Amino acid sequence: CTFNRFVKDERIDSFEHRCSDCGFRET
């Protein structure tokens, strides 16, 4: 699970789940 926060004119919190093996990914 990867979390990033970007702040400029608005705040964007992004999340990604990625498998280390098969490449399964959801964001």
PDB file of all heavy atoms in Angstrom:
ATOM      1  N   CYS A   1       0.863  -1.177   0.000  1.00  0.00           N
ATOM      2  CA  CYS A   1       0.000   0.000   0.000  1.00  0.00           C
ATOM      3  C   CYS A   1       0.901   1.229   0.000  1.00  0.00           C
ATOM      4  O   CYS A   1       1.738   1.382   0.895  1.00  0.00           O
ATOM      5  CB  CYS A   1      -0.899   0.003   1.240  1.00  0.00           C
ATOM      6  SG  CYS A   1      -1.958   1.471   1.381  1.00  0.00           S
ATOM      7  N   THR A   2       0.755   2.078  -1.007  1.00  0.00           N
ATOM      8  CA  THR A   2       1.560   3.289  -1.127  1.00  0.00           C
ATOM      9  C   THR A   2       0.658   4.508  -1.030  1.00  0.00           C
ATOM     10  O   THR A   2      -0.372   4.581  -1.709  1.00  0.00           O
ATOM     11  CB  THR A   2       2.305   3.321  -2.478  1.00  0.00           C
ATOM     12  OG1 THR A   2       3.105   2.145  -2.593  1.00  0.00           O
ATOM     13  CG2 THR A   2       3.187   4.550  -2.598  1.00  0.00           C
ATOM     14  N   PHE A   3       1.063   5.461  -0.181  1.00  0.00           N
ATOM     15  CA  PHE A   3       0.313   6.707   0.012  1.00  0.00           C
ATOM     16  C   PHE A   3       1.197   7.881  -0.373  1.00  0.00           C
ATOM     17  O   PHE A   3       2.367   7.933  -0.003  1.00  0.00           O
ATOM     18  CB  PHE A   3      -0.108   6.839   1.483  1.00  0.00           C
ATOM     19  CG  PHE A   3      -0.633   8.201   1.841  1.00  0.00           C
ATOM     20  CD1 PHE A   3      -1.871   8.604   1.406  1.00  0.00           C
ATOM     21  CD2 PHE A   3       0.110   9.067   2.621  1.00  0.00           C
ATOM     22  CE1 PHE A   3      -2.364   9.865   1.731  1.00  0.00           C
ATOM     23  CE2 PHE A   3      -0.368  10.314   2.957  1.00  0.00           C
ATOM     24  CZ  PHE A   3      -1.606  10.714   2.515  1.00  0.00           C
ATOM     25  N   ASN A   4       0.631   8.832  -1.127  1.00  0.00           N
ATOM     26  CA  ASN A   4       1.298  10.086  -1.484  1.00  0.00           C
ATOM     27  C   ASN A   4       0.348  11.241  -1.219  1.00  0.00           C
ATOM     28  O   ASN A   4      -0.859  11.116  -1.447  1.00  0.00           O
ATOM     29  CB  ASN A   4       1.665  10.125  -2.973  1.00  0.00           C
ATOM     30  CG  ASN A   4       2.889   9.330  -3.289  1.00  0.00           C
ATOM     31  OD1 ASN A   4       3.965   9.613  -2.797  1.00  0.00           O
ATOM     32  ND2 ASN A   4       2.738   8.307  -4.110  1.00  0.00           N
ATOM     33  N   ARG A   5       0.890  12.368  -0.782  1.00  0.00           N
ATOM     34  CA  ARG A   5       0.085  13.587  -0.629  1.00  0.00           C
ATOM     35  C   ARG A   5       0.759  14.695  -1.412  1.00  0.00           C
ATOM     36  O   ARG A   5       1.942  14.936  -1.276  1.00  0.00           O
ATOM     37  CB  ARG A   5      -0.022  13.985   0.840  1.00  0.00           C
ATOM     38  CG  ARG A   5      -0.761  15.319   1.013  1.00  0.00           C
ATOM     39  CD  ARG A   5      -1.080  15.624   2.445  1.00  0.00           C
ATOM     40  NE  ARG A   5      -2.178  14.751   2.853  1.00  0.00           N
ATOM     41  CZ  ARG A   5      -2.466  14.498   4.122  1.00  0.00           C
ATOM     42  NH1 ARG A   5      -1.763  15.017   5.089  1.00  0.00           N
ATOM     43  NH2 ARG A   5      -3.481  13.703   4.413  1.00  0.00           N
ATOM     44  N   PHE A   6      -0.046  15.370  -2.238  1.00  0.00           N
ATOM     45  CA  PHE A   6       0.412  16.504  -3.030  1.00  0.00           C
ATOM     46  C   PHE A   6      -0.433  17.706  -2.633  1.00  0.00           C
ATOM     47  O   PHE A   6      -1.660  17.603  -2.545  1.00  0.00           O
ATOM     48  CB  PHE A   6       0.219  16.232  -4.529  1.00  0.00           C
ATOM     49  CG  PHE A   6       0.844  14.939  -4.978  1.00  0.00           C
ATOM     50  CD1 PHE A   6       0.090  13.776  -5.050  1.00  0.00           C
ATOM     51  CD2 PHE A   6       2.177  14.879  -5.314  1.00  0.00           C
ATOM     52  CE1 PHE A   6       0.654  12.576  -5.460  1.00  0.00           C
ATOM     53  CE2 PHE A   6       2.754  13.684  -5.727  1.00  0.00           C
ATOM     54  CZ  PHE A   6       1.988  12.537  -5.802  1.00  0.00           C
ATOM     55  N   VAL A   7       0.207  18.848  -2.405  1.00  0.00           N
ATOM     56  CA  VAL A   7      -0.543  20.049  -2.038  1.00  0.00           C
ATOM     57  C   VAL A   7      -0.075  21.192  -2.925  1.00  0.00           C
ATOM     58  O   VAL A   7       1.111  21.505  -2.987  1.00  0.00           O
ATOM     59  CB  VAL A   7      -0.332  20.425  -0.549  1.00  0.00           C
ATOM     60  CG1 VAL A   7      -1.110  21.686  -0.215  1.00  0.00           C
ATOM     61  CG2 VAL A   7      -0.724  19.292   0.362  1.00  0.00           C
ATOM     62  N   LYS A   8      -1.029  21.806  -3.609  1.00  0.00           N
ATOM     63  CA  LYS A   8      -0.760  23.022  -4.380  1.00  0.00           C
ATOM     64  C   LYS A   8      -2.015  23.872  -4.256  1.00  0.00           C
ATOM     65  O   LYS A   8      -2.250  24.427  -3.200  1.00  0.00           O
ATOM     66  CB  LYS A   8      -0.416  22.702  -5.827  1.00  0.00           C
ATOM     67  CG  LYS A   8       0.139  23.900  -6.553  1.00  0.00           C
ATOM     68  CD  LYS A   8       0.697  23.568  -7.906  1.00  0.00           C
ATOM     69  CE  LYS A   8       1.209  24.835  -8.545  1.00  0.00           C
ATOM     70  NZ  LYS A   8       1.807  24.607  -9.815  1.00  0.00           N
ATOM     71  N   ASP A   9      -2.832  23.963  -5.293  1.00  0.00           N
ATOM     72  CA  ASP A   9      -4.096  24.692  -5.211  1.00  0.00           C
ATOM     73  C   ASP A   9      -5.144  23.873  -4.470  1.00  0.00           C
ATOM     74  O   ASP A   9      -6.125  24.409  -3.982  1.00  0.00           O
ATOM     75  CB  ASP A   9      -4.624  25.041  -6.608  1.00  0.00           C
ATOM     76  CG  ASP A   9      -3.686  25.982  -7.340  1.00  0.00           C
ATOM     77  OD1 ASP A   9      -2.983  26.755  -6.657  1.00  0.00           O
ATOM     78  OD2 ASP A   9      -3.652  25.934  -8.576  1.00  0.00           O
ATOM     79  N   GLU A  10      -4.942  22.569  -4.421  1.00  0.00           N
ATOM     80  CA  GLU A  10      -5.809  21.660  -3.684  1.00  0.00           C
ATOM     81  C   GLU A  10      -4.932  20.539  -3.137  1.00  0.00           C
ATOM     82  O   GLU A  10      -3.792  20.380  -3.536  1.00  0.00           O
ATOM     83  CB  GLU A  10      -6.911  21.103  -4.576  1.00  0.00           C
ATOM     84  CG  GLU A  10      -6.405  20.348  -5.780  1.00  0.00           C
ATOM     85  CD  GLU A  10      -7.504  20.012  -6.765  1.00  0.00           C
ATOM     86  OE1 GLU A  10      -8.678  20.151  -6.429  1.00  0.00           O
ATOM     87  OE2 GLU A  10      -7.169  19.604  -7.867  1.00  0.00           O
ATOM     88  N   ARG A  11      -5.464  19.796  -2.207  1.00  0.00           N
ATOM     89  CA  ARG A  11      -4.718  18.665  -1.645  1.00  0.00           C
ATOM     90  C   ARG A  11      -5.197  17.392  -2.327  1.00  0.00           C
ATOM     91  O   ARG A  11      -6.401  17.174  -2.460  1.00  0.00           O
ATOM     92  CB  ARG A  11      -4.973  18.575  -0.145  1.00  0.00           C
ATOM     93  CG  ARG A  11      -4.152  17.481   0.519  1.00  0.00           C
ATOM     94  CD  ARG A  11      -4.327  17.520   2.010  1.00  0.00           C
ATOM     95  NE  ARG A  11      -5.224  16.455   2.410  1.00  0.00           N
ATOM     96  CZ  ARG A  11      -5.579  16.211   3.658  1.00  0.00           C
ATOM     97  NH1 ARG A  11      -5.166  16.982   4.632  1.00  0.00           N
ATOM     98  NH2 ARG A  11      -6.378  15.217   3.943  1.00  0.00           N
ATOM     99  N   ILE A  12      -4.253  16.589  -2.775  1.00  0.00           N
ATOM    100  CA  ILE A  12      -4.576  15.308  -3.395  1.00  0.00           C
ATOM    101  C   ILE A  12      -3.870  14.213  -2.612  1.00  0.00           C
ATOM    102  O   ILE A  12      -2.645  14.222  -2.473  1.00  0.00           O
ATOM    103  CB  ILE A  12      -4.144  15.260  -4.873  1.00  0.00           C
ATOM    104  CG1 ILE A  12      -4.836  16.370  -5.652  1.00  0.00           C
ATOM    105  CG2 ILE A  12      -4.442  13.890  -5.466  1.00  0.00           C
ATOM    106  CD1 ILE A  12      -4.351  16.526  -7.069  1.00  0.00           C
ATOM    107  N   ASP A  13      -4.663  13.305  -2.064  1.00  0.00           N
ATOM    108  CA  ASP A  13      -4.139  12.131  -1.379  1.00  0.00           C
ATOM    109  C   ASP A  13      -4.331  10.952  -2.321  1.00  0.00           C
ATOM    110  O   ASP A  13      -5.452  10.668  -2.732  1.00  0.00           O
ATOM    111  CB  ASP A  13      -4.899  11.880  -0.069  1.00  0.00           C
ATOM    112  CG  ASP A  13      -4.681  12.991   0.940  1.00  0.00           C
ATOM    113  OD1 ASP A  13      -3.545  13.485   1.044  1.00  0.00           O
ATOM    114  OD2 ASP A  13      -5.647  13.362   1.630  1.00  0.00           O
ATOM    115  N   SER A  14      -3.233  10.291  -2.687  1.00  0.00           N
ATOM    116  CA  SER A  14      -3.346   9.170  -3.616  1.00  0.00           C
ATOM    117  C   SER A  14      -2.926   7.874  -2.947  1.00  0.00           C
ATOM    118  O   SER A  14      -2.021   7.845  -2.108  1.00  0.00           O
ATOM    119  CB  SER A  14      -2.508   9.413  -4.874  1.00  0.00           C
ATOM    120  OG  SER A  14      -1.134   9.325  -4.587  1.00  0.00           O
ATOM    121  N   PHE A  15      -3.607   6.805  -3.338  1.00  0.00           N
ATOM    122  CA  PHE A  15      -3.368   5.473  -2.784  1.00  0.00           C
ATOM    123  C   PHE A  15      -3.168   4.494  -3.928  1.00  0.00           C
ATOM    124  O   PHE A  15      -3.836   4.581  -4.948  1.00  0.00           O
ATOM    125  CB  PHE A  15      -4.575   5.014  -1.964  1.00  0.00           C
ATOM    126  CG  PHE A  15      -4.878   5.911  -0.802  1.00  0.00           C
ATOM    127  CD1 PHE A  15      -5.739   6.982  -0.943  1.00  0.00           C
ATOM    128  CD2 PHE A  15      -4.292   5.683   0.426  1.00  0.00           C
ATOM    129  CE1 PHE A  15      -6.019   7.813   0.122  1.00  0.00           C
ATOM    130  CE2 PHE A  15      -4.569   6.508   1.500  1.00  0.00           C
ATOM    131  CZ  PHE A  15      -5.431   7.570   1.351  1.00  0.00           C
ATOM    132  N   GLU A  16      -2.244   3.567  -3.729  1.00  0.00           N
ATOM    133  CA  GLU A  16      -2.027   2.513  -4.710  1.00  0.00           C
ATOM    134  C   GLU A  16      -1.774   1.211  -3.972  1.00  0.00           C
ATOM    135  O   GLU A  16      -1.016   1.172  -3.006  1.00  0.00           O
ATOM    136  CB  GLU A  16      -0.815   2.817  -5.584  1.00  0.00           C
ATOM    137  CG  GLU A  16      -0.517   1.699  -6.573  1.00  0.00           C
ATOM    138  CD  GLU A  16       0.761   1.933  -7.338  1.00  0.00           C
ATOM    139  OE1 GLU A  16       1.842   1.879  -6.715  1.00  0.00           O
ATOM    140  OE2 GLU A  16       0.672   2.141  -8.546  1.00  0.00           O
ATOM    141  N   HIS A  17      -2.425   0.153  -4.415  1.00  0.00           N
ATOM    142  CA  HIS A  17      -2.132  -1.202  -3.966  1.00  0.00           C
ATOM    143  C   HIS A  17      -1.545  -1.928  -5.162  1.00  0.00           C
ATOM    144  O   HIS A  17      -2.146  -1.948  -6.232  1.00  0.00           O
ATOM    145  CB  HIS A  17      -3.408  -1.919  -3.496  1.00  0.00           C
ATOM    146  CG  HIS A  17      -3.756  -1.631  -2.082  1.00  0.00           C
ATOM    147  ND1 HIS A  17      -4.573  -2.455  -1.350  1.00  0.00           N
ATOM    148  CD2 HIS A  17      -3.401  -0.620  -1.258  1.00  0.00           C
ATOM    149  CE1 HIS A  17      -4.697  -1.961  -0.129  1.00  0.00           C
ATOM    150  NE2 HIS A  17      -4.010  -0.841  -0.053  1.00  0.00           N
ATOM    151  N   ARG A  18      -0.357  -2.523  -4.966  1.00  0.00           N
ATOM    152  CA  ARG A  18       0.323  -3.216  -6.069  1.00  0.00           C
ATOM    153  C   ARG A  18       0.942  -4.506  -5.547  1.00  0.00           C
ATOM    154  O   ARG A  18       1.574  -4.523  -4.502  1.00  0.00           O
ATOM    155  CB  ARG A  18       1.411  -2.333  -6.666  1.00  0.00           C
ATOM    156  CG  ARG A  18       2.108  -2.976  -7.859  1.00  0.00           C
ATOM    157  CD  ARG A  18       3.231  -2.124  -8.370  1.00  0.00           C
ATOM    158  NE  ARG A  18       2.766  -0.881  -8.921  1.00  0.00           N
ATOM    159  CZ  ARG A  18       2.682  -0.609 -10.216  1.00  0.00           C
ATOM    160  NH1 ARG A  18       3.042  -1.512 -11.093  1.00  0.00           N
ATOM    161  NH2 ARG A  18       2.256   0.550 -10.631  1.00  0.00           N
ATOM    162  N   CYS A  19       0.780  -5.564  -6.339  1.00  0.00           N
ATOM    163  CA  CYS A  19       1.365  -6.862  -5.999  1.00  0.00           C
ATOM    164  C   CYS A  19       2.822  -6.904  -6.444  1.00  0.00           C
ATOM    165  O   CYS A  19       3.155  -6.453  -7.541  1.00  0.00           O
ATOM    166  CB  CYS A  19       0.593  -7.994  -6.673  1.00  0.00           C
ATOM    167  SG  CYS A  19       1.319  -9.630  -6.415  1.00  0.00           S
ATOM    168  N   SER A  20       3.672  -7.459  -5.605  1.00  0.00           N
ATOM    169  CA  SER A  20       5.096  -7.580  -5.935  1.00  0.00           C
ATOM    170  C   SER A  20       5.376  -8.673  -6.960  1.00  0.00           C
ATOM    171  O   SER A  20       6.456  -8.742  -7.518  1.00  0.00           O
ATOM    172  CB  SER A  20       5.886  -7.879  -4.657  1.00  0.00           C
ATOM    173  OG  SER A  20       5.455  -9.114  -4.096  1.00  0.00           O
ATOM    174  N   ASP A  21       4.381  -9.507  -7.230  1.00  0.00           N
ATOM    175  CA  ASP A  21       4.601 -10.659  -8.109  1.00  0.00           C
ATOM    176  C   ASP A  21       3.879 -10.550  -9.454  1.00  0.00           C
ATOM    177  O   ASP A  21       4.510 -10.576 -10.499  1.00  0.00           O
ATOM    178  CB  ASP A  21       4.121 -11.926  -7.392  1.00  0.00           C
ATOM    179  CG  ASP A  21       5.135 -13.030  -7.381  1.00  0.00           C
ATOM    180  OD1 ASP A  21       6.335 -12.727  -7.463  1.00  0.00           O
ATOM    181  OD2 ASP A  21       4.719 -14.188  -7.281  1.00  0.00           O
ATOM    182  N   CYS A  22       2.555 -10.440  -9.424  1.00  0.00           N
ATOM    183  CA  CYS A  22       1.772 -10.556 -10.654  1.00  0.00           C
ATOM    184  C   CYS A  22       1.422  -9.220 -11.310  1.00  0.00           C
ATOM    185  O   CYS A  22       0.892  -9.190 -12.405  1.00  0.00           O
ATOM    186  CB  CYS A  22       0.480 -11.337 -10.392  1.00  0.00           C
ATOM    187  SG  CYS A  22      -0.777 -10.428  -9.466  1.00  0.00           S
ATOM    188  N   GLY A  23       1.690  -8.112 -10.641  1.00  0.00           N
ATOM    189  CA  GLY A  23       1.385  -6.814 -11.232  1.00  0.00           C
ATOM    190  C   GLY A  23      -0.015  -6.316 -10.949  1.00  0.00           C
ATOM    191  O   GLY A  23      -0.411  -5.261 -11.443  1.00  0.00           O
ATOM    192  N   PHE A  24      -0.812  -7.049 -10.175  1.00  0.00           N
ATOM    193  CA  PHE A  24      -2.138  -6.566  -9.759  1.00  0.00           C
ATOM    194  C   PHE A  24      -1.975  -5.155  -9.204  1.00  0.00           C
ATOM    195  O   PHE A  24      -1.052  -4.872  -8.443  1.00  0.00           O
ATOM    196  CB  PHE A  24      -2.704  -7.501  -8.680  1.00  0.00           C
ATOM    197  CG  PHE A  24      -3.903  -6.943  -7.951  1.00  0.00           C
ATOM    198  CD1 PHE A  24      -5.154  -6.995  -8.526  1.00  0.00           C
ATOM    199  CD2 PHE A  24      -3.759  -6.385  -6.693  1.00  0.00           C
ATOM    200  CE1 PHE A  24      -6.261  -6.483  -7.855  1.00  0.00           C
ATOM    201  CE2 PHE A  24      -4.854  -5.870  -6.018  1.00  0.00           C
ATOM    202  CZ  PHE A  24      -6.107  -5.924  -6.596  1.00  0.00           C
ATOM    203  N   ARG A  25      -2.891  -4.257  -9.605  1.00  0.00           N
ATOM    204  CA  ARG A  25      -2.764  -2.861  -9.200  1.00  0.00           C
ATOM    205  C   ARG A  25      -4.131  -2.224  -9.136  1.00  0.00           C
ATOM    206  O   ARG A  25      -4.961  -2.416 -10.023  1.00  0.00           O
ATOM    207  CB  ARG A  25      -1.895  -2.125 -10.214  1.00  0.00           C
ATOM    208  CG  ARG A  25      -1.687  -0.677  -9.934  1.00  0.00           C
ATOM    209  CD  ARG A  25      -0.717  -0.109 -10.991  1.00  0.00           C
ATOM    210  NE  ARG A  25      -0.603   1.301 -10.837  1.00  0.00           N
ATOM    211  CZ  ARG A  25      -1.099   2.216 -11.659  1.00  0.00           C
ATOM    212  NH1 ARG A  25      -1.739   1.822 -12.747  1.00  0.00           N
ATOM    213  NH2 ARG A  25      -0.965   3.490 -11.442  1.00  0.00           N
ATOM    214  N   GLU A  26      -4.361  -1.430  -8.079  1.00  0.00           N
ATOM    215  CA  GLU A  26      -5.553  -0.594  -8.002  1.00  0.00           C
ATOM    216  C   GLU A  26      -5.142   0.732  -7.392  1.00  0.00           C
ATOM    217  O   GLU A  26      -4.278   0.786  -6.519  1.00  0.00           O
ATOM    218  CB  GLU A  26      -6.681  -1.267  -7.218  1.00  0.00           C
ATOM    219  CG  GLU A  26      -6.326  -1.774  -5.850  1.00  0.00           C
ATOM    220  CD  GLU A  26      -7.439  -2.606  -5.229  1.00  0.00           C
ATOM    221  OE1 GLU A  26      -8.545  -2.683  -5.787  1.00  0.00           O
ATOM    222  OE2 GLU A  26      -7.186  -3.180  -4.169  1.00  0.00           O
ATOM    223  N   THR A  27      -5.731   1.825  -7.903  1.00  0.00           N
ATOM    224  CA  THR A  27      -5.366   3.162  -7.446  1.00  0.00           C
ATOM    225  C   THR A  27      -6.613   4.004  -7.216  1.00  0.00           C
ATOM    226  O   THR A  27      -7.665   3.749  -7.812  1.00  0.00           O
ATOM    227  CB  THR A  27      -4.486   3.895  -8.481  1.00  0.00           C
ATOM    228  OG1 THR A  27      -5.226   4.057  -9.685  1.00  0.00           O
ATOM    229  CG2 THR A  27      -3.201   3.146  -8.762  1.00  0.00           C
TER     230      THR A  27
END
